[in-house]
Amino acid sequence: MIYIGTTENNGSAIYFDIYSAERQGRGMRISGTIGDGCYEGEVLVEVGRNDSVTFADAWLGGSGFSEFIDRCGSDVLEEALLESVREMPLFQARRSQPHGNSMSYAGIVAESSSMWQNLT
């Protein structure tokens, strides 16, 4: 779960709970639940060639969505979601090396690189 940097007028934090991540070409498609304690709905965040945010309730007419957007602002929320996905370590490693490369994961490994070099 990610608490994104957007807060509502009443001080409630907005959370993004990711339940699915899939690689898509040179980008990522992240599905999750977004909410603030009063509203909870599904969202799809796509980052790569074309960045986009799709709220399921915007298409399905779910209850409480328009009030949620009024409370937090759609432009600010969309940018915060895109930024949170762009900052994910997996996405950063994949962006520079789309076909994988063991050296591209050096920033993710917590141990010193000398320990791993001794094993090879």
N, C-alpha and C. Protein backbone atom coordinates (compact mmCIF):
# COMPACT_ATOMS: atom_id res chain seq x y z
N MET A 1 0.85 -1.17 0.00
CA MET A 1 0.00 0.00 0.00
C MET A 1 0.90 1.23 0.00
N ILE A 2 0.51 2.19 -0.81
CA ILE A 2 1.24 3.45 -0.92
C ILE A 2 0.33 4.58 -0.47
N TYR A 3 0.85 5.41 0.41
CA TYR A 3 0.13 6.65 0.75
C TYR A 3 0.70 7.72 -0.16
N ILE A 4 -0.13 8.20 -1.07
CA ILE A 4 0.37 9.17 -2.03
C ILE A 4 0.36 10.56 -1.42
N GLY A 5 1.16 11.46 -1.99
CA GLY A 5 1.40 12.76 -1.41
C GLY A 5 0.24 13.72 -1.47
N THR A 6 -0.93 13.27 -1.84
CA THR A 6 -2.09 14.14 -1.92
C THR A 6 -2.94 13.91 -0.68
N THR A 7 -3.36 14.97 -0.04
CA THR A 7 -4.30 14.85 1.08
C THR A 7 -5.52 15.68 0.77
N GLU A 8 -6.60 15.29 1.37
CA GLU A 8 -7.85 16.00 1.15
C GLU A 8 -7.94 17.23 2.05
N ASN A 9 -8.96 18.03 1.80
CA ASN A 9 -9.17 19.25 2.60
C ASN A 9 -9.37 18.92 4.08
N ASN A 10 -9.95 17.75 4.39
CA ASN A 10 -10.19 17.38 5.78
C ASN A 10 -9.00 16.66 6.41
N GLY A 11 -7.89 16.54 5.68
CA GLY A 11 -6.68 15.93 6.23
C GLY A 11 -6.58 14.44 6.03
N SER A 12 -7.57 13.80 5.41
CA SER A 12 -7.52 12.36 5.16
C SER A 12 -6.46 12.04 4.11
N ALA A 13 -5.68 11.00 4.37
CA ALA A 13 -4.67 10.56 3.41
C ALA A 13 -5.32 9.69 2.35
N ILE A 14 -4.79 9.76 1.16
CA ILE A 14 -5.28 8.93 0.06
C ILE A 14 -4.31 7.77 -0.12
N TYR A 15 -4.83 6.56 -0.19
CA TYR A 15 -4.00 5.38 -0.32
C TYR A 15 -4.23 4.71 -1.67
N PHE A 16 -3.20 4.00 -2.13
CA PHE A 16 -3.21 3.25 -3.38
C PHE A 16 -2.69 1.86 -3.06
N ASP A 17 -3.58 0.88 -3.08
CA ASP A 17 -3.24 -0.50 -2.74
C ASP A 17 -3.13 -1.29 -4.03
N ILE A 18 -1.91 -1.63 -4.42
CA ILE A 18 -1.65 -2.32 -5.69
C ILE A 18 -1.92 -3.81 -5.53
N TYR A 19 -2.69 -4.37 -6.46
CA TYR A 19 -2.92 -5.82 -6.44
C TYR A 19 -2.47 -6.50 -7.71
N SER A 20 -2.07 -5.76 -8.73
CA SER A 20 -1.60 -6.37 -9.97
C SER A 20 -0.64 -5.44 -10.67
N ALA A 21 0.48 -6.00 -11.12
CA ALA A 21 1.46 -5.24 -11.90
C ALA A 21 1.92 -6.11 -13.04
N GLU A 22 1.88 -5.56 -14.24
CA GLU A 22 2.35 -6.33 -15.39
C GLU A 22 3.16 -5.44 -16.30
N ARG A 23 4.19 -6.05 -16.85
CA ARG A 23 5.04 -5.34 -17.79
C ARG A 23 4.33 -5.27 -19.13
N GLN A 24 4.44 -4.12 -19.77
CA GLN A 24 3.76 -3.90 -21.03
C GLN A 24 4.73 -3.18 -21.96
N GLY A 25 5.37 -3.91 -22.86
CA GLY A 25 6.36 -3.28 -23.73
C GLY A 25 7.47 -2.67 -22.91
N ARG A 26 7.62 -1.37 -23.01
CA ARG A 26 8.63 -0.65 -22.22
C ARG A 26 8.03 0.07 -21.03
N GLY A 27 6.84 -0.31 -20.64
CA GLY A 27 6.17 0.35 -19.52
C GLY A 27 5.56 -0.65 -18.57
N MET A 28 4.71 -0.14 -17.71
CA MET A 28 4.04 -0.96 -16.70
C MET A 28 2.56 -0.62 -16.67
N ARG A 29 1.77 -1.62 -16.33
CA ARG A 29 0.33 -1.45 -16.10
C ARG A 29 0.07 -1.92 -14.67
N ILE A 30 -0.37 -0.99 -13.83
CA ILE A 30 -0.59 -1.24 -12.41
C ILE A 30 -2.07 -1.10 -12.10
N SER A 31 -2.65 -2.14 -11.52
CA SER A 31 -4.05 -2.10 -11.09
C SER A 31 -4.09 -2.09 -9.58
N GLY A 32 -5.03 -1.34 -9.04
CA GLY A 32 -5.13 -1.28 -7.60
C GLY A 32 -6.41 -0.62 -7.13
N THR A 33 -6.47 -0.49 -5.84
CA THR A 33 -7.61 0.15 -5.18
C THR A 33 -7.13 1.48 -4.63
N ILE A 34 -7.93 2.51 -4.86
CA ILE A 34 -7.62 3.83 -4.33
C ILE A 34 -8.75 4.25 -3.40
N GLY A 35 -8.40 4.92 -2.34
CA GLY A 35 -9.43 5.33 -1.40
C GLY A 35 -8.93 6.33 -0.38
N ASP A 36 -9.87 6.76 0.45
CA ASP A 36 -9.54 7.75 1.48
C ASP A 36 -10.26 7.48 2.79
N GLY A 37 -10.87 6.34 2.93
CA GLY A 37 -11.64 6.04 4.13
C GLY A 37 -13.13 6.24 3.94
N CYS A 38 -13.50 7.17 3.07
CA CYS A 38 -14.91 7.41 2.75
C CYS A 38 -15.30 6.79 1.42
N TYR A 39 -14.34 6.65 0.54
CA TYR A 39 -14.56 6.11 -0.80
C TYR A 39 -13.45 5.10 -1.09
N GLU A 40 -13.79 4.07 -1.86
CA GLU A 40 -12.80 3.12 -2.32
C GLU A 40 -13.22 2.64 -3.70
N GLY A 41 -12.29 2.66 -4.65
CA GLY A 41 -12.60 2.24 -6.01
C GLY A 41 -11.37 1.71 -6.73
N GLU A 42 -11.60 1.15 -7.90
CA GLU A 42 -10.54 0.54 -8.70
C GLU A 42 -9.92 1.57 -9.64
N VAL A 43 -8.60 1.44 -9.85
CA VAL A 43 -7.89 2.35 -10.74
C VAL A 43 -6.84 1.56 -11.51
N LEU A 44 -6.60 1.97 -12.75
CA LEU A 44 -5.56 1.41 -13.60
C LEU A 44 -4.60 2.54 -13.94
N VAL A 45 -3.31 2.34 -13.64
CA VAL A 45 -2.28 3.33 -13.93
C VAL A 45 -1.33 2.71 -14.95
N GLU A 46 -1.18 3.37 -16.08
CA GLU A 46 -0.29 2.89 -17.14
C GLU A 46 0.81 3.91 -17.36
N VAL A 47 2.05 3.45 -17.28
CA VAL A 47 3.21 4.30 -17.47
C VAL A 47 4.11 3.65 -18.51
N GLY A 48 4.55 4.45 -19.45
CA GLY A 48 5.41 3.95 -20.53
C GLY A 48 5.31 4.86 -21.72
N ARG A 49 4.95 4.28 -22.84
CA ARG A 49 4.81 5.08 -24.06
C ARG A 49 3.72 6.13 -23.91
N ASN A 50 2.57 5.74 -23.38
CA ASN A 50 1.46 6.67 -23.12
C ASN A 50 1.05 6.54 -21.67
N ASP A 51 1.30 7.57 -20.87
CA ASP A 51 0.92 7.55 -19.46
C ASP A 51 -0.56 7.86 -19.34
N SER A 52 -1.26 7.07 -18.50
CA SER A 52 -2.69 7.33 -18.30
C SER A 52 -3.15 6.76 -16.97
N VAL A 53 -4.23 7.34 -16.47
CA VAL A 53 -4.90 6.87 -15.26
C VAL A 53 -6.36 6.69 -15.61
N THR A 54 -6.90 5.50 -15.31
CA THR A 54 -8.30 5.20 -15.59
C THR A 54 -8.98 4.78 -14.30
N PHE A 55 -10.00 5.52 -13.91
CA PHE A 55 -10.80 5.18 -12.74
C PHE A 55 -12.01 4.37 -13.21
N ALA A 56 -12.17 3.16 -12.69
CA ALA A 56 -13.28 2.30 -13.13
C ALA A 56 -14.63 2.96 -12.88
N ASP A 57 -14.78 3.61 -11.73
CA ASP A 57 -16.08 4.23 -11.41
C ASP A 57 -16.41 5.41 -12.30
N ALA A 58 -15.41 6.01 -12.94
CA ALA A 58 -15.70 7.09 -13.87
C ALA A 58 -16.44 6.54 -15.08
N TRP A 59 -16.16 5.29 -15.43
CA TRP A 59 -16.82 4.64 -16.57
C TRP A 59 -18.09 3.92 -16.14
N LEU A 60 -18.07 3.36 -14.93
CA LEU A 60 -19.19 2.52 -14.48
C LEU A 60 -20.23 3.30 -13.67
N GLY A 61 -19.92 4.53 -13.32
CA GLY A 61 -20.87 5.34 -12.56
C GLY A 61 -21.03 4.89 -11.12
N GLY A 62 -19.94 4.43 -10.51
CA GLY A 62 -20.00 3.99 -9.12
C GLY A 62 -20.33 5.12 -8.16
N SER A 63 -20.98 4.77 -7.08
CA SER A 63 -21.39 5.80 -6.12
C SER A 63 -20.20 6.32 -5.34
N GLY A 64 -20.19 7.60 -5.09
CA GLY A 64 -19.16 8.24 -4.29
C GLY A 64 -17.96 8.72 -5.06
N PHE A 65 -17.84 8.34 -6.32
CA PHE A 65 -16.65 8.71 -7.09
C PHE A 65 -16.57 10.22 -7.32
N SER A 66 -17.64 10.83 -7.75
CA SER A 66 -17.59 12.27 -8.05
C SER A 66 -17.29 13.08 -6.79
N GLU A 67 -17.80 12.66 -5.64
CA GLU A 67 -17.50 13.35 -4.39
C GLU A 67 -16.02 13.19 -4.02
N PHE A 68 -15.48 11.99 -4.24
CA PHE A 68 -14.06 11.72 -3.98
C PHE A 68 -13.18 12.63 -4.84
N ILE A 69 -13.48 12.72 -6.12
CA ILE A 69 -12.72 13.57 -7.04
C ILE A 69 -12.85 15.04 -6.65
N ASP A 70 -14.04 15.44 -6.21
CA ASP A 70 -14.24 16.82 -5.76
C ASP A 70 -13.37 17.12 -4.54
N ARG A 71 -13.25 16.13 -3.64
CA ARG A 71 -12.46 16.33 -2.43
C ARG A 71 -10.97 16.45 -2.70
N CYS A 72 -10.45 15.66 -3.66
CA CYS A 72 -8.99 15.63 -3.82
C CYS A 72 -8.49 16.23 -5.12
N GLY A 73 -9.32 16.44 -6.11
CA GLY A 73 -8.90 17.04 -7.38
C GLY A 73 -8.34 16.01 -8.34
N SER A 74 -8.95 15.86 -9.49
CA SER A 74 -8.55 14.80 -10.43
C SER A 74 -7.16 15.01 -11.01
N ASP A 75 -6.80 16.23 -11.37
CA ASP A 75 -5.48 16.47 -11.96
C ASP A 75 -4.35 16.16 -10.98
N VAL A 76 -4.50 16.62 -9.76
CA VAL A 76 -3.49 16.39 -8.73
C VAL A 76 -3.40 14.90 -8.41
N LEU A 77 -4.54 14.23 -8.31
CA LEU A 77 -4.56 12.81 -8.00
C LEU A 77 -3.93 11.99 -9.11
N GLU A 78 -4.27 12.28 -10.36
CA GLU A 78 -3.70 11.54 -11.49
C GLU A 78 -2.19 11.70 -11.54
N GLU A 79 -1.69 12.90 -11.35
CA GLU A 79 -0.24 13.12 -11.37
C GLU A 79 0.44 12.40 -10.21
N ALA A 80 -0.18 12.39 -9.03
CA ALA A 80 0.40 11.69 -7.88
C ALA A 80 0.44 10.19 -8.12
N LEU A 81 -0.58 9.62 -8.74
CA LEU A 81 -0.58 8.19 -9.06
C LEU A 81 0.49 7.86 -10.08
N LEU A 82 0.60 8.66 -11.13
CA LEU A 82 1.63 8.42 -12.15
C LEU A 82 3.02 8.50 -11.53
N GLU A 83 3.25 9.49 -10.70
CA GLU A 83 4.55 9.67 -10.07
C GLU A 83 4.88 8.50 -9.13
N SER A 84 3.89 8.01 -8.38
CA SER A 84 4.14 6.89 -7.47
C SER A 84 4.54 5.64 -8.24
N VAL A 85 3.96 5.42 -9.41
CA VAL A 85 4.32 4.26 -10.23
C VAL A 85 5.70 4.47 -10.85
N ARG A 86 5.98 5.66 -11.32
CA ARG A 86 7.30 5.94 -11.92
C ARG A 86 8.43 5.73 -10.92
N GLU A 87 8.17 5.96 -9.63
CA GLU A 87 9.19 5.84 -8.59
C GLU A 87 9.38 4.41 -8.09
N MET A 88 8.58 3.47 -8.55
CA MET A 88 8.71 2.09 -8.10
C MET A 88 10.05 1.51 -8.58
N PRO A 89 10.80 0.83 -7.71
CA PRO A 89 12.11 0.28 -8.09
C PRO A 89 12.05 -0.66 -9.30
N LEU A 90 11.04 -1.48 -9.39
CA LEU A 90 10.95 -2.41 -10.51
C LEU A 90 10.81 -1.66 -11.83
N PHE A 91 10.00 -0.62 -11.82
CA PHE A 91 9.81 0.16 -13.05
C PHE A 91 11.10 0.86 -13.44
N GLN A 92 11.83 1.40 -12.48
CA GLN A 92 13.07 2.10 -12.79
C GLN A 92 14.10 1.15 -13.39
N ALA A 93 14.19 -0.07 -12.87
CA ALA A 93 15.14 -1.03 -13.42
C ALA A 93 14.74 -1.44 -14.82
N ARG A 94 13.48 -1.65 -15.06
CA ARG A 94 13.00 -2.08 -16.37
C ARG A 94 13.09 -0.97 -17.41
N ARG A 95 12.93 0.27 -16.98
CA ARG A 95 12.95 1.37 -17.94
C ARG A 95 14.30 1.43 -18.66
N SER A 96 15.40 1.26 -17.93
CA SER A 96 16.72 1.39 -18.53
C SER A 96 17.15 0.13 -19.27
N GLN A 97 16.65 -1.02 -18.87
CA GLN A 97 17.03 -2.28 -19.48
C GLN A 97 15.79 -3.11 -19.77
N PRO A 98 15.09 -2.87 -20.88
CA PRO A 98 13.82 -3.54 -21.13
C PRO A 98 13.93 -5.06 -21.27
N HIS A 99 15.11 -5.58 -21.60
CA HIS A 99 15.25 -7.02 -21.76
C HIS A 99 15.96 -7.67 -20.58
N GLY A 100 16.14 -6.92 -19.53
CA GLY A 100 16.77 -7.45 -18.32
C GLY A 100 18.27 -7.47 -18.43
N ASN A 101 18.92 -7.27 -17.31
CA ASN A 101 20.36 -7.29 -17.24
C ASN A 101 20.68 -7.37 -15.76
N SER A 102 21.45 -8.36 -15.36
CA SER A 102 21.71 -8.56 -13.93
C SER A 102 22.33 -7.33 -13.29
N MET A 103 23.08 -6.53 -14.04
CA MET A 103 23.70 -5.35 -13.48
C MET A 103 22.69 -4.24 -13.23
N SER A 104 21.54 -4.27 -13.91
CA SER A 104 20.56 -3.19 -13.74
C SER A 104 19.85 -3.28 -12.39
N TYR A 105 19.98 -4.36 -11.68
CA TYR A 105 19.31 -4.52 -10.39
C TYR A 105 20.21 -4.15 -9.22
N ALA A 106 21.39 -3.62 -9.49
CA ALA A 106 22.34 -3.30 -8.42
C ALA A 106 21.75 -2.32 -7.41
N GLY A 107 20.92 -1.39 -7.84
CA GLY A 107 20.34 -0.42 -6.92
C GLY A 107 19.27 -1.01 -6.02
N ILE A 108 18.75 -2.19 -6.37
CA ILE A 108 17.69 -2.82 -5.60
C ILE A 108 18.26 -3.74 -4.52
N VAL A 109 19.43 -4.32 -4.76
CA VAL A 109 20.04 -5.28 -3.84
C VAL A 109 20.57 -4.54 -2.63
N ALA A 110 20.24 -5.04 -1.43
CA ALA A 110 20.63 -4.37 -0.19
C ALA A 110 22.07 -4.68 0.21
N GLU A 111 22.59 -5.86 -0.15
CA GLU A 111 23.95 -6.24 0.23
C GLU A 111 24.96 -5.51 -0.64
N SER A 112 26.19 -5.46 -0.15
CA SER A 112 27.25 -4.81 -0.93
C SER A 112 27.54 -5.64 -2.18
N SER A 113 27.93 -4.96 -3.25
CA SER A 113 28.19 -5.66 -4.50
C SER A 113 29.40 -6.58 -4.40
N SER A 114 30.35 -6.28 -3.52
CA SER A 114 31.53 -7.14 -3.38
C SER A 114 31.15 -8.53 -2.90
N MET A 115 30.11 -8.63 -2.07
CA MET A 115 29.67 -9.94 -1.62
C MET A 115 29.21 -10.79 -2.80
N TRP A 116 28.46 -10.17 -3.72
CA TRP A 116 27.95 -10.91 -4.88
C TRP A 116 29.05 -11.21 -5.87
N GLN A 117 30.01 -10.33 -6.00
CA GLN A 117 31.11 -10.58 -6.94
C GLN A 117 31.95 -11.75 -6.50
N ASN A 118 32.08 -11.97 -5.20
CA ASN A 118 32.86 -13.11 -4.69
C ASN A 118 32.20 -14.44 -4.99
N LEU A 119 30.91 -14.45 -5.24
CA LEU A 119 30.20 -15.69 -5.53
C LEU A 119 30.31 -16.11 -6.96
N THR A 120 30.69 -15.25 -7.86
CA THR A 120 30.76 -15.60 -9.27
C THR A 120 32.10 -16.10 -9.70
